Amino acid sequence: MSSKEDLTSKCPVCTTGKLIVNSMLYSVPFFNELAMFTMKCPECGFSHSDVFSAEQRRPTRFTLHVDDVSLLNVRVVRSGSCTYRFPEWGIDVEPGPAADAFVTNVEGLLFRVRSVVETALGFADEESERKRAKQILDEIMLALRGDYFFTLVMEDPAGVSGILPDDLTLVKIEELSPEETSHLKGAPFWIDTMREEISERKG
């Protein structure tokens, strides 16, 4: 089910236009139901996607050890406040001011990270940095073929991101402590405002 409505909040870019939101409800294991919404400003063309839950959720960490090629197909939900990590490669992808939400799978996340590493390789000044980036790219290619085992960690202070295999026993789900949560970069303030307004309307 999808819907379209105007929000009272102003665009964070041009500050004059009122945001229009298109939302789509997803039935998702563990979360019951999530809303993926895209906000767009008719004045300047700014757009942004995010995920929200009608239920109050706690800060959460999901950990999946990818030790079988079939796990590359596991669904992943990433909100605009989520940090995801690949510990074996020392890669942490934190949310920025324009961090979009997306629904993909583990394989899709690997392709995204590969693109980030390729960009980093192009800007690397030191030979040691270039060598390490090339090694990571080689290992990502092996991982995409199921020939390299790795770990995926997703942490979200809003609790609306996750790793969602059909068998949830494959993933470790933990509530983050206040101290752990304080070290995470959350969504920009205006995103939190949007979530609150949409939540109130859906409630």
C-alpha atoms as a PDB file:
ATOM      1  CA  MET A   1       0.000   0.000   0.000  1.00  0.00           C
ATOM      2  CA  SER A   2       1.354   3.435  -0.944  1.00  0.00           C
ATOM      3  CA  SER A   3       0.272   6.969  -0.112  1.00  0.00           C
ATOM      4  CA  LYS A   4       1.190  10.553  -0.925  1.00  0.00           C
ATOM      5  CA  GLU A   5       0.795  13.566   1.329  1.00  0.00           C
ATOM      6  CA  ASP A   6       2.165  17.024   2.100  1.00  0.00           C
ATOM      7  CA  LEU A   7       4.197  17.588   5.257  1.00  0.00           C
ATOM      8  CA  THR A   8       4.144  20.806   7.251  1.00  0.00           C
ATOM      9  CA  SER A   9       7.937  20.832   7.563  1.00  0.00           C
ATOM     10  CA  LYS A  10       9.949  22.987   5.207  1.00  0.00           C
ATOM     11  CA  CYS A  11      12.682  21.730   2.903  1.00  0.00           C
ATOM     12  CA  PRO A  12      16.069  21.615   4.718  1.00  0.00           C
ATOM     13  CA  VAL A  13      17.837  22.837   1.553  1.00  0.00           C
ATOM     14  CA  CYS A  14      15.848  25.779   0.173  1.00  0.00           C
ATOM     15  CA  THR A  15      13.841  26.327   3.418  1.00  0.00           C
ATOM     16  CA  THR A  16      10.851  27.615   1.427  1.00  0.00           C
ATOM     17  CA  GLY A  17       9.136  24.614  -0.137  1.00  0.00           C
ATOM     18  CA  LYS A  18       7.048  22.170   1.878  1.00  0.00           C
ATOM     19  CA  LEU A  19       8.077  18.547   1.561  1.00  0.00           C
ATOM     20  CA  ILE A  20       5.850  16.029  -0.207  1.00  0.00           C
ATOM     21  CA  VAL A  21       6.209  12.452   0.987  1.00  0.00           C
ATOM     22  CA  ASN A  22       5.480   9.228  -0.866  1.00  0.00           C
ATOM     23  CA  SER A  23       5.396   6.197   1.420  1.00  0.00           C
ATOM     24  CA  MET A  24       5.182   2.460   0.884  1.00  0.00           C
ATOM     25  CA  LEU A  25       4.437  -0.073   3.615  1.00  0.00           C
ATOM     26  CA  TYR A  26       6.528  -3.255   3.774  1.00  0.00           C
ATOM     27  CA  SER A  27       5.773  -6.371   5.783  1.00  0.00           C
ATOM     28  CA  VAL A  28       9.190  -7.304   7.179  1.00  0.00           C
ATOM     29  CA  PRO A  29      10.161 -10.126   9.566  1.00  0.00           C
ATOM     30  CA  PHE A  30      11.167  -8.936  13.053  1.00  0.00           C
ATOM     31  CA  PHE A  31       9.877  -5.406  12.394  1.00  0.00           C
ATOM     32  CA  ASN A  32       6.298  -6.487  11.508  1.00  0.00           C
ATOM     33  CA  GLU A  33       5.805  -3.458   9.288  1.00  0.00           C
ATOM     34  CA  LEU A  34       8.103  -0.709   8.043  1.00  0.00           C
ATOM     35  CA  ALA A  35       7.345   2.338   5.933  1.00  0.00           C
ATOM     36  CA  MET A  36       9.817   3.353   3.251  1.00  0.00           C
ATOM     37  CA  PHE A  37       9.233   6.973   2.377  1.00  0.00           C
ATOM     38  CA  THR A  38      10.678   9.421  -0.142  1.00  0.00           C
ATOM     39  CA  MET A  39      10.515  13.136   0.565  1.00  0.00           C
ATOM     40  CA  LYS A  40      10.702  15.657  -2.258  1.00  0.00           C
ATOM     41  CA  CYS A  41      10.639  19.436  -2.409  1.00  0.00           C
ATOM     42  CA  PRO A  42       8.629  20.806  -5.360  1.00  0.00           C
ATOM     43  CA  GLU A  43      10.521  24.101  -5.152  1.00  0.00           C
ATOM     44  CA  CYS A  44      14.173  23.026  -5.462  1.00  0.00           C
ATOM     45  CA  GLY A  45      13.922  19.339  -6.378  1.00  0.00           C
ATOM     46  CA  PHE A  46      15.616  18.048  -3.213  1.00  0.00           C
ATOM     47  CA  SER A  47      14.726  14.432  -2.442  1.00  0.00           C
ATOM     48  CA  HIS A  48      15.591  11.983   0.304  1.00  0.00           C
ATOM     49  CA  SER A  49      14.570   8.433   1.237  1.00  0.00           C
ATOM     50  CA  ASP A  50      14.282   6.928   4.695  1.00  0.00           C
ATOM     51  CA  VAL A  51      12.671   4.127   6.688  1.00  0.00           C
ATOM     52  CA  PHE A  52      10.528   4.412   9.762  1.00  0.00           C
ATOM     53  CA  SER A  53       8.552   2.142  12.068  1.00  0.00           C
ATOM     54  CA  ALA A  54       5.208   3.013  13.600  1.00  0.00           C
ATOM     55  CA  GLU A  55       6.382   1.147  16.700  1.00  0.00           C
ATOM     56  CA  GLN A  56       8.858   2.641  19.147  1.00  0.00           C
ATOM     57  CA  ARG A  57      12.086   0.698  18.665  1.00  0.00           C
ATOM     58  CA  ARG A  58      15.270   0.477  20.702  1.00  0.00           C
ATOM     59  CA  PRO A  59      18.838   1.057  19.439  1.00  0.00           C
ATOM     60  CA  THR A  60      19.881  -2.260  17.921  1.00  0.00           C
ATOM     61  CA  ARG A  61      22.883  -4.125  16.525  1.00  0.00           C
ATOM     62  CA  PHE A  62      22.558  -6.945  13.986  1.00  0.00           C
ATOM     63  CA  THR A  63      25.527  -9.235  13.283  1.00  0.00           C
ATOM     64  CA  LEU A  64      25.692 -11.831  10.514  1.00  0.00           C
ATOM     65  CA  HIS A  65      28.632 -14.139   9.806  1.00  0.00           C
ATOM     66  CA  VAL A  66      28.510 -14.738   6.062  1.00  0.00           C
ATOM     67  CA  ASP A  67      30.016 -18.217   5.763  1.00  0.00           C
ATOM     68  CA  ASP A  68      27.856 -19.562   2.937  1.00  0.00           C
ATOM     69  CA  VAL A  69      27.188 -18.157  -0.527  1.00  0.00           C
ATOM     70  CA  SER A  70      23.419 -18.422   0.056  1.00  0.00           C
ATOM     71  CA  LEU A  71      23.686 -15.745   2.758  1.00  0.00           C
ATOM     72  CA  LEU A  72      24.526 -13.181   0.075  1.00  0.00           C
ATOM     73  CA  ASN A  73      20.788 -13.185  -0.654  1.00  0.00           C
ATOM     74  CA  VAL A  74      19.788 -12.195   2.886  1.00  0.00           C
ATOM     75  CA  ARG A  75      17.671  -9.045   2.939  1.00  0.00           C
ATOM     76  CA  VAL A  76      19.141  -5.885   4.441  1.00  0.00           C
ATOM     77  CA  VAL A  77      17.218  -2.781   5.526  1.00  0.00           C
ATOM     78  CA  ARG A  78      19.310   0.336   6.047  1.00  0.00           C
ATOM     79  CA  SER A  79      17.807   3.583   7.363  1.00  0.00           C
ATOM     80  CA  GLY A  80      19.335   7.045   7.197  1.00  0.00           C
ATOM     81  CA  SER A  81      20.625   6.668  10.763  1.00  0.00           C
ATOM     82  CA  CYS A  82      22.373   3.298  10.363  1.00  0.00           C
ATOM     83  CA  THR A  83      26.099   2.581  10.533  1.00  0.00           C
ATOM     84  CA  TYR A  84      27.188  -0.654   8.867  1.00  0.00           C
ATOM     85  CA  ARG A  85      30.538  -2.324   9.288  1.00  0.00           C
ATOM     86  CA  PHE A  86      32.724  -5.006   7.738  1.00  0.00           C
ATOM     87  CA  PRO A  87      35.198  -5.731  10.572  1.00  0.00           C
ATOM     88  CA  GLU A  88      37.520  -7.963   8.536  1.00  0.00           C
ATOM     89  CA  TRP A  89      38.270  -5.054   6.219  1.00  0.00           C
ATOM     90  CA  GLY A  90      38.145  -2.286   8.815  1.00  0.00           C
ATOM     91  CA  ILE A  91      35.296  -0.642   6.900  1.00  0.00           C
ATOM     92  CA  ASP A  92      32.722   1.479   8.750  1.00  0.00           C
ATOM     93  CA  VAL A  93      30.091   3.285   6.680  1.00  0.00           C
ATOM     94  CA  GLU A  94      28.479   5.975   8.807  1.00  0.00           C
ATOM     95  CA  PRO A  95      25.401   8.023   7.896  1.00  0.00           C
ATOM     96  CA  GLY A  96      26.044  11.487   6.532  1.00  0.00           C
ATOM     97  CA  PRO A  97      23.684  14.453   6.119  1.00  0.00           C
ATOM     98  CA  ALA A  98      22.382  12.987   2.848  1.00  0.00           C
ATOM     99  CA  ALA A  99      22.373   9.297   3.822  1.00  0.00           C
ATOM    100  CA  ASP A 100      19.513   7.620   1.967  1.00  0.00           C
ATOM    101  CA  ALA A 101      17.669   4.566   3.195  1.00  0.00           C
ATOM    102  CA  PHE A 102      17.531   1.458   1.054  1.00  0.00           C
ATOM    103  CA  VAL A 103      16.400  -2.144   1.015  1.00  0.00           C
ATOM    104  CA  THR A 104      18.862  -4.534  -0.617  1.00  0.00           C
ATOM    105  CA  ASN A 105      20.635  -7.804   0.194  1.00  0.00           C
ATOM    106  CA  VAL A 106      24.118  -8.640   1.488  1.00  0.00           C
ATOM    107  CA  GLU A 107      25.409  -8.944  -2.073  1.00  0.00           C
ATOM    108  CA  GLY A 108      24.060  -5.489  -2.920  1.00  0.00           C
ATOM    109  CA  LEU A 109      25.782  -4.058   0.143  1.00  0.00           C
ATOM    110  CA  LEU A 110      29.077  -5.579  -1.014  1.00  0.00           C
ATOM    111  CA  PHE A 111      28.716  -3.859  -4.380  1.00  0.00           C
ATOM    112  CA  ARG A 112      28.118  -0.550  -2.605  1.00  0.00           C
ATOM    113  CA  VAL A 113      31.211  -1.013  -0.453  1.00  0.00           C
ATOM    114  CA  ARG A 114      33.276  -2.064  -3.457  1.00  0.00           C
ATOM    115  CA  SER A 115      32.413   1.259  -5.090  1.00  0.00           C
ATOM    116  CA  VAL A 116      33.507   3.137  -1.952  1.00  0.00           C
ATOM    117  CA  VAL A 117      36.840   1.279  -1.841  1.00  0.00           C
ATOM    118  CA  GLU A 118      37.432   1.916  -5.558  1.00  0.00           C
ATOM    119  CA  THR A 119      36.919   5.635  -4.933  1.00  0.00           C
ATOM    120  CA  ALA A 120      39.301   5.541  -1.964  1.00  0.00           C
ATOM    121  CA  LEU A 121      41.887   3.768  -4.125  1.00  0.00           C
ATOM    122  CA  GLY A 122      41.724   6.583  -6.663  1.00  0.00           C
ATOM    123  CA  PHE A 123      42.488   9.175  -3.972  1.00  0.00           C
ATOM    124  CA  ALA A 124      45.136   7.172  -2.075  1.00  0.00           C
ATOM    125  CA  ASP A 125      48.515   8.934  -1.839  1.00  0.00           C
ATOM    126  CA  GLU A 126      50.580   6.269  -0.135  1.00  0.00           C
ATOM    127  CA  GLU A 127      51.586   3.007  -1.778  1.00  0.00           C
ATOM    128  CA  SER A 128      50.626   1.135   1.400  1.00  0.00           C
ATOM    129  CA  GLU A 129      47.103   2.584   1.166  1.00  0.00           C
ATOM    130  CA  ARG A 130      46.785   1.582  -2.486  1.00  0.00           C
ATOM    131  CA  LYS A 131      48.052  -1.908  -1.715  1.00  0.00           C
ATOM    132  CA  ARG A 132      45.560  -2.350   1.119  1.00  0.00           C
ATOM    133  CA  ALA A 133      42.672  -1.060  -1.012  1.00  0.00           C
ATOM    134  CA  LYS A 134      43.552  -3.483  -3.814  1.00  0.00           C
ATOM    135  CA  GLN A 135      43.698  -6.342  -1.311  1.00  0.00           C
ATOM    136  CA  ILE A 136      40.245  -5.448   0.017  1.00  0.00           C
ATOM    137  CA  LEU A 137      38.849  -5.260  -3.525  1.00  0.00           C
ATOM    138  CA  ASP A 138      40.261  -8.711  -4.285  1.00  0.00           C
ATOM    139  CA  GLU A 139      38.697 -10.108  -1.111  1.00  0.00           C
ATOM    140  CA  ILE A 140      35.339  -8.475  -1.897  1.00  0.00           C
ATOM    141  CA  MET A 141      35.365 -10.179  -5.305  1.00  0.00           C
ATOM    142  CA  LEU A 142      36.085 -13.498  -3.573  1.00  0.00           C
ATOM    143  CA  ALA A 143      33.243 -12.798  -1.133  1.00  0.00           C
ATOM    144  CA  LEU A 144      30.847 -12.143  -4.027  1.00  0.00           C
ATOM    145  CA  ARG A 145      31.687 -15.629  -5.337  1.00  0.00           C
ATOM    146  CA  GLY A 146      31.241 -17.187  -1.907  1.00  0.00           C
ATOM    147  CA  ASP A 147      34.962 -17.893  -1.554  1.00  0.00           C
ATOM    148  CA  TYR A 148      35.679 -15.495   1.314  1.00  0.00           C
ATOM    149  CA  PHE A 149      33.878 -15.463   4.652  1.00  0.00           C
ATOM    150  CA  PHE A 150      33.200 -12.139   6.347  1.00  0.00           C
ATOM    151  CA  THR A 151      31.043 -10.431   8.972  1.00  0.00           C
ATOM    152  CA  LEU A 152      28.397  -7.755   8.484  1.00  0.00           C
ATOM    153  CA  VAL A 153      27.362  -5.568  11.425  1.00  0.00           C
ATOM    154  CA  MET A 154      24.544  -3.012  11.321  1.00  0.00           C
ATOM    155  CA  GLU A 155      23.902  -0.564  14.175  1.00  0.00           C
ATOM    156  CA  ASP A 156      20.997   1.871  14.272  1.00  0.00           C
ATOM    157  CA  PRO A 157      20.172   4.214  17.174  1.00  0.00           C
ATOM    158  CA  ALA A 158      16.618   4.424  15.784  1.00  0.00           C
ATOM    159  CA  GLY A 159      16.298   0.620  15.655  1.00  0.00           C
ATOM    160  CA  VAL A 160      14.825   0.562  12.139  1.00  0.00           C
ATOM    161  CA  SER A 161      17.689  -1.119  10.265  1.00  0.00           C
ATOM    162  CA  GLY A 162      18.496  -4.792  10.218  1.00  0.00           C
ATOM    163  CA  ILE A 163      19.785  -7.975   8.616  1.00  0.00           C
ATOM    164  CA  LEU A 164      16.803 -10.222   7.979  1.00  0.00           C
ATOM    165  CA  PRO A 165      17.397 -13.833   6.907  1.00  0.00           C
ATOM    166  CA  ASP A 166      14.400 -16.157   6.701  1.00  0.00           C
ATOM    167  CA  ASP A 167      15.911 -17.962   9.691  1.00  0.00           C
ATOM    168  CA  LEU A 168      16.509 -15.232  12.277  1.00  0.00           C
ATOM    169  CA  THR A 169      18.626 -17.613  14.374  1.00  0.00           C
ATOM    170  CA  LEU A 170      21.406 -16.976  11.840  1.00  0.00           C
ATOM    171  CA  VAL A 171      21.733 -13.368  12.947  1.00  0.00           C
ATOM    172  CA  LYS A 172      22.734 -12.049  16.371  1.00  0.00           C
ATOM    173  CA  ILE A 173      20.425  -9.257  17.544  1.00  0.00           C
ATOM    174  CA  GLU A 174      21.489  -7.088  20.491  1.00  0.00           C
ATOM    175  CA  GLU A 175      20.133  -3.972  22.127  1.00  0.00           C
ATOM    176  CA  LEU A 176      22.782  -1.257  22.209  1.00  0.00           C
ATOM    177  CA  SER A 177      23.714   0.277  25.533  1.00  0.00           C
ATOM    178  CA  PRO A 178      23.323   4.049  26.019  1.00  0.00           C
ATOM    179  CA  GLU A 179      27.117   4.386  25.850  1.00  0.00           C
ATOM    180  CA  GLU A 180      27.340   2.433  22.581  1.00  0.00           C
ATOM    181  CA  THR A 181      24.474   4.439  21.134  1.00  0.00           C
ATOM    182  CA  SER A 182      26.158   7.725  22.076  1.00  0.00           C
ATOM    183  CA  HIS A 183      29.106   6.878  19.811  1.00  0.00           C
ATOM    184  CA  LEU A 184      26.925   6.404  16.736  1.00  0.00           C
ATOM    185  CA  LYS A 185      26.095   9.067  14.218  1.00  0.00           C
ATOM    186  CA  GLY A 186      22.337   9.337  14.055  1.00  0.00           C
ATOM    187  CA  ALA A 187      20.124  10.815  11.395  1.00  0.00           C
ATOM    188  CA  PRO A 188      20.229  14.586  10.846  1.00  0.00           C
ATOM    189  CA  PHE A 189      17.829  16.507  13.091  1.00  0.00           C
ATOM    190  CA  TRP A 190      15.433  17.273  10.249  1.00  0.00           C
ATOM    191  CA  ILE A 191      15.096  13.540   9.485  1.00  0.00           C
ATOM    192  CA  ASP A 192      14.135  12.888  13.103  1.00  0.00           C
ATOM    193  CA  THR A 193      11.527  15.649  12.772  1.00  0.00           C
ATOM    194  CA  MET A 194      10.131  14.036   9.619  1.00  0.00           C
ATOM    195  CA  ARG A 195       9.933  10.645  11.314  1.00  0.00           C
ATOM    196  CA  GLU A 196       8.039  12.129  14.252  1.00  0.00           C
ATOM    197  CA  GLU A 197       5.541  13.909  12.020  1.00  0.00           C
ATOM    198  CA  ILE A 198       4.922  10.866   9.836  1.00  0.00           C
ATOM    199  CA  SER A 199       4.648   8.615  12.898  1.00  0.00           C
ATOM    200  CA  GLU A 200       2.016  10.916  14.420  1.00  0.00           C
ATOM    201  CA  ARG A 201       0.004  10.885  11.201  1.00  0.00           C
ATOM    202  CA  LYS A 202       0.198   7.118  10.814  1.00  0.00           C
ATOM    203  CA  GLY A 203      -0.672   6.636  14.473  1.00  0.00           C
END
